[in-house]
């Protein structure tokens, strides 16, 4: 496990920075997109970090029914307002 995943604050900052930089093009990302942020870590550990960020409401899930994606809370189209 890398030092980055050991340090939750640094991991959160790295993910938020990645999403903020990419937000000009898109606001929702697949879990595999976060592998670029933590190239030295295993997918399972990355998933734990991302899910923890959902729990702390830094990120949120978006689901189309067949696909789950993640995005910064409040950015882009939200699942709750999709049908308005």
N, C-alpha and C. Protein backbone atom coordinates (compact mmCIF):
# COMPACT_ATOMS: atom_id res chain seq x y z
N UNK A 1 0.85 -1.17 0.00
CA UNK A 1 0.00 0.00 0.00
C UNK A 1 0.90 1.24 0.00
N UNK A 2 0.55 2.22 -0.79
CA UNK A 2 1.35 3.44 -0.87
C UNK A 2 1.10 4.32 0.35
N UNK A 3 2.01 5.26 0.54
CA UNK A 3 1.85 6.22 1.62
C UNK A 3 0.61 7.07 1.42
N UNK A 4 0.26 7.31 0.17
CA UNK A 4 -0.89 8.15 -0.13
C UNK A 4 -2.18 7.56 0.41
N UNK A 5 -2.36 6.25 0.27
CA UNK A 5 -3.58 5.63 0.80
C UNK A 5 -3.53 5.53 2.32
N UNK A 6 -2.33 5.51 2.90
CA UNK A 6 -2.22 5.52 4.36
C UNK A 6 -2.67 6.87 4.92
N UNK A 7 -2.42 7.93 4.18
CA UNK A 7 -2.77 9.28 4.61
C UNK A 7 -4.09 9.67 3.94
N UNK A 8 -5.18 9.50 4.66
CA UNK A 8 -6.52 9.74 4.11
C UNK A 8 -6.70 11.17 3.62
N UNK A 9 -6.12 12.13 4.32
CA UNK A 9 -6.25 13.53 3.92
C UNK A 9 -5.55 13.78 2.58
N UNK A 10 -4.36 13.22 2.41
CA UNK A 10 -3.64 13.38 1.15
C UNK A 10 -4.36 12.66 0.01
N UNK A 11 -4.94 11.49 0.31
CA UNK A 11 -5.68 10.74 -0.70
C UNK A 11 -6.91 11.53 -1.13
N UNK A 12 -7.62 12.11 -0.18
CA UNK A 12 -8.80 12.91 -0.49
C UNK A 12 -8.40 14.11 -1.36
N UNK A 13 -7.33 14.78 -1.00
CA UNK A 13 -6.87 15.93 -1.77
C UNK A 13 -6.49 15.52 -3.19
N UNK A 14 -5.81 14.38 -3.34
CA UNK A 14 -5.40 13.91 -4.66
C UNK A 14 -6.62 13.63 -5.54
N UNK A 15 -7.64 13.00 -4.97
CA UNK A 15 -8.86 12.69 -5.73
C UNK A 15 -9.59 13.97 -6.11
N UNK A 16 -9.76 14.88 -5.15
CA UNK A 16 -10.47 16.14 -5.43
C UNK A 16 -9.71 16.94 -6.49
N UNK A 17 -8.39 16.99 -6.39
CA UNK A 17 -7.60 17.70 -7.39
C UNK A 17 -7.78 17.08 -8.78
N UNK A 18 -7.75 15.76 -8.85
CA UNK A 18 -7.94 15.04 -10.11
C UNK A 18 -9.31 15.37 -10.71
N UNK A 19 -10.35 15.30 -9.90
CA UNK A 19 -11.70 15.55 -10.38
C UNK A 19 -11.90 17.02 -10.77
N UNK A 20 -11.32 17.91 -10.02
CA UNK A 20 -11.44 19.33 -10.33
C UNK A 20 -10.77 19.65 -11.66
N UNK A 21 -9.61 19.07 -11.87
CA UNK A 21 -8.88 19.28 -13.13
C UNK A 21 -9.65 18.73 -14.33
N UNK A 22 -10.30 17.60 -14.15
CA UNK A 22 -11.03 16.95 -15.23
C UNK A 22 -12.45 17.49 -15.40
N UNK A 23 -12.93 18.30 -14.45
CA UNK A 23 -14.34 18.71 -14.44
C UNK A 23 -14.74 19.57 -15.63
N UNK A 24 -13.79 20.11 -16.36
CA UNK A 24 -14.14 20.90 -17.54
C UNK A 24 -14.74 20.02 -18.63
N UNK A 25 -14.36 18.75 -18.64
CA UNK A 25 -14.83 17.81 -19.66
C UNK A 25 -15.95 16.91 -19.18
N UNK A 26 -15.87 16.45 -17.93
CA UNK A 26 -16.91 15.57 -17.40
C UNK A 26 -16.93 15.64 -15.88
N UNK A 27 -18.07 15.23 -15.31
CA UNK A 27 -18.22 15.34 -13.86
C UNK A 27 -18.39 13.99 -13.17
N UNK A 28 -18.60 12.93 -13.93
CA UNK A 28 -18.78 11.60 -13.35
C UNK A 28 -17.68 10.67 -13.88
N UNK A 29 -17.18 9.82 -12.99
CA UNK A 29 -16.05 8.97 -13.33
C UNK A 29 -16.29 7.54 -12.86
N UNK A 30 -15.75 6.60 -13.63
CA UNK A 30 -15.76 5.19 -13.23
C UNK A 30 -14.70 4.98 -12.17
N UNK A 31 -14.85 3.93 -11.40
CA UNK A 31 -13.86 3.60 -10.38
C UNK A 31 -12.48 3.44 -11.02
N UNK A 32 -12.43 2.83 -12.19
CA UNK A 32 -11.13 2.60 -12.85
C UNK A 32 -10.41 3.91 -13.19
N UNK A 33 -11.15 5.01 -13.32
CA UNK A 33 -10.51 6.31 -13.57
C UNK A 33 -9.62 6.73 -12.41
N UNK A 34 -9.97 6.30 -11.20
CA UNK A 34 -9.19 6.66 -10.02
C UNK A 34 -7.89 5.86 -9.92
N UNK A 35 -7.77 4.80 -10.71
CA UNK A 35 -6.53 4.03 -10.72
C UNK A 35 -5.36 4.89 -11.17
N UNK A 36 -5.62 5.90 -12.00
CA UNK A 36 -4.56 6.80 -12.47
C UNK A 36 -4.04 7.67 -11.33
N UNK A 37 -4.90 7.95 -10.37
CA UNK A 37 -4.50 8.78 -9.23
C UNK A 37 -3.58 8.00 -8.30
N UNK A 38 -3.82 6.71 -8.18
CA UNK A 38 -3.04 5.83 -7.29
C UNK A 38 -2.47 4.66 -8.08
N UNK A 39 -1.53 4.90 -9.00
CA UNK A 39 -1.06 3.83 -9.88
C UNK A 39 -0.33 2.69 -9.17
N UNK A 40 0.17 2.92 -7.97
CA UNK A 40 0.92 1.89 -7.25
C UNK A 40 0.06 1.06 -6.31
N UNK A 41 -1.23 1.32 -6.28
CA UNK A 41 -2.10 0.64 -5.34
C UNK A 41 -3.05 -0.32 -6.04
N UNK A 42 -3.52 -1.29 -5.27
CA UNK A 42 -4.43 -2.29 -5.80
C UNK A 42 -5.85 -1.72 -5.88
N UNK A 43 -6.62 -2.18 -6.86
CA UNK A 43 -7.99 -1.68 -7.04
C UNK A 43 -8.85 -1.76 -5.78
N UNK A 44 -8.69 -2.80 -5.01
CA UNK A 44 -9.51 -2.95 -3.80
C UNK A 44 -9.24 -1.83 -2.79
N UNK A 45 -7.97 -1.45 -2.65
CA UNK A 45 -7.63 -0.36 -1.72
C UNK A 45 -8.15 0.97 -2.24
N UNK A 46 -8.09 1.17 -3.54
CA UNK A 46 -8.59 2.41 -4.14
C UNK A 46 -10.10 2.50 -3.93
N UNK A 47 -10.79 1.38 -4.11
CA UNK A 47 -12.24 1.36 -3.90
C UNK A 47 -12.59 1.72 -2.46
N UNK A 48 -11.81 1.24 -1.50
CA UNK A 48 -12.05 1.58 -0.10
C UNK A 48 -11.92 3.08 0.14
N UNK A 49 -10.90 3.69 -0.45
CA UNK A 49 -10.70 5.13 -0.28
C UNK A 49 -11.85 5.90 -0.91
N UNK A 50 -12.24 5.53 -2.14
CA UNK A 50 -13.32 6.22 -2.83
C UNK A 50 -14.64 6.05 -2.07
N UNK A 51 -14.93 4.85 -1.60
CA UNK A 51 -16.16 4.62 -0.84
C UNK A 51 -16.17 5.40 0.47
N UNK A 52 -15.03 5.53 1.10
CA UNK A 52 -14.93 6.32 2.33
C UNK A 52 -15.23 7.79 2.02
N UNK A 53 -14.80 8.25 0.85
CA UNK A 53 -15.08 9.63 0.46
C UNK A 53 -16.57 9.83 0.18
N UNK A 54 -17.25 8.79 -0.26
CA UNK A 54 -18.70 8.87 -0.44
C UNK A 54 -19.36 8.95 0.93
N UNK A 55 -18.89 8.15 1.88
CA UNK A 55 -19.43 8.16 3.24
C UNK A 55 -19.28 9.54 3.90
N UNK A 56 -18.15 10.19 3.65
CA UNK A 56 -17.91 11.51 4.25
C UNK A 56 -18.46 12.64 3.39
N UNK A 57 -19.19 12.27 2.33
CA UNK A 57 -19.90 13.20 1.45
C UNK A 57 -18.99 14.16 0.68
N UNK A 58 -17.76 13.71 0.41
CA UNK A 58 -16.89 14.46 -0.49
C UNK A 58 -17.29 14.11 -1.92
N UNK A 59 -17.55 12.81 -2.14
CA UNK A 59 -18.00 12.30 -3.43
C UNK A 59 -19.42 11.79 -3.29
N UNK A 60 -20.06 11.54 -4.43
CA UNK A 60 -21.37 10.90 -4.42
C UNK A 60 -21.45 9.89 -5.55
N UNK A 61 -22.30 8.90 -5.34
CA UNK A 61 -22.56 7.89 -6.36
C UNK A 61 -23.52 8.46 -7.40
N UNK A 62 -23.39 7.98 -8.60
CA UNK A 62 -24.38 8.22 -9.64
C UNK A 62 -24.56 6.88 -10.32
N UNK A 63 -25.78 6.45 -10.48
CA UNK A 63 -26.04 5.16 -11.10
C UNK A 63 -27.08 5.28 -12.18
N UNK A 64 -26.81 4.62 -13.31
CA UNK A 64 -27.78 4.59 -14.40
C UNK A 64 -28.62 3.32 -14.30
N UNK A 65 -28.33 2.51 -13.33
CA UNK A 65 -29.00 1.22 -13.18
C UNK A 65 -28.05 0.08 -13.51
N UNK A 66 -27.23 0.29 -14.52
CA UNK A 66 -26.27 -0.75 -14.90
C UNK A 66 -24.84 -0.30 -14.65
N UNK A 67 -24.63 0.98 -14.45
CA UNK A 67 -23.30 1.53 -14.25
C UNK A 67 -23.28 2.43 -13.04
N UNK A 68 -22.24 2.29 -12.23
CA UNK A 68 -22.06 3.18 -11.09
C UNK A 68 -20.86 4.06 -11.37
N UNK A 69 -21.07 5.35 -11.16
CA UNK A 69 -20.00 6.31 -11.35
C UNK A 69 -19.91 7.18 -10.09
N UNK A 70 -18.82 7.93 -10.01
CA UNK A 70 -18.58 8.79 -8.86
C UNK A 70 -18.31 10.19 -9.34
N UNK A 71 -18.69 11.16 -8.53
CA UNK A 71 -18.41 12.55 -8.84
C UNK A 71 -18.35 13.37 -7.58
N UNK A 72 -17.81 14.57 -7.70
CA UNK A 72 -17.78 15.47 -6.56
C UNK A 72 -19.20 15.82 -6.16
N UNK A 73 -19.45 15.85 -4.89
CA UNK A 73 -20.79 16.16 -4.41
C UNK A 73 -21.21 17.53 -4.91
N UNK A 74 -22.37 17.59 -5.57
CA UNK A 74 -22.91 18.84 -6.06
C UNK A 74 -22.44 19.25 -7.44
N UNK A 75 -21.56 18.47 -8.07
CA UNK A 75 -21.05 18.84 -9.40
C UNK A 75 -21.80 18.08 -10.48
N UNK A 76 -22.16 18.76 -11.55
CA UNK A 76 -22.80 18.11 -12.68
C UNK A 76 -24.24 17.74 -12.40
N UNK A 77 -24.79 16.88 -13.26
CA UNK A 77 -26.17 16.42 -13.12
C UNK A 77 -26.24 15.47 -11.93
N UNK A 78 -27.17 15.71 -11.06
CA UNK A 78 -27.33 14.88 -9.88
C UNK A 78 -28.45 13.87 -10.12
N UNK A 79 -28.29 12.72 -9.58
CA UNK A 79 -29.29 11.65 -9.73
C UNK A 79 -30.66 12.10 -9.24
N UNK A 80 -30.69 12.84 -8.14
CA UNK A 80 -31.97 13.25 -7.54
C UNK A 80 -32.72 14.26 -8.40
N UNK A 81 -32.03 15.05 -9.22
CA UNK A 81 -32.69 16.07 -10.02
C UNK A 81 -32.77 15.69 -11.49
N UNK A 82 -32.40 14.48 -11.82
CA UNK A 82 -32.31 14.04 -13.20
C UNK A 82 -33.64 14.08 -13.95
N UNK A 83 -34.74 13.75 -13.28
CA UNK A 83 -36.03 13.66 -13.93
C UNK A 83 -36.86 14.93 -13.86
N UNK A 84 -36.29 16.02 -13.43
CA UNK A 84 -37.04 17.29 -13.31
C UNK A 84 -37.19 17.96 -14.65
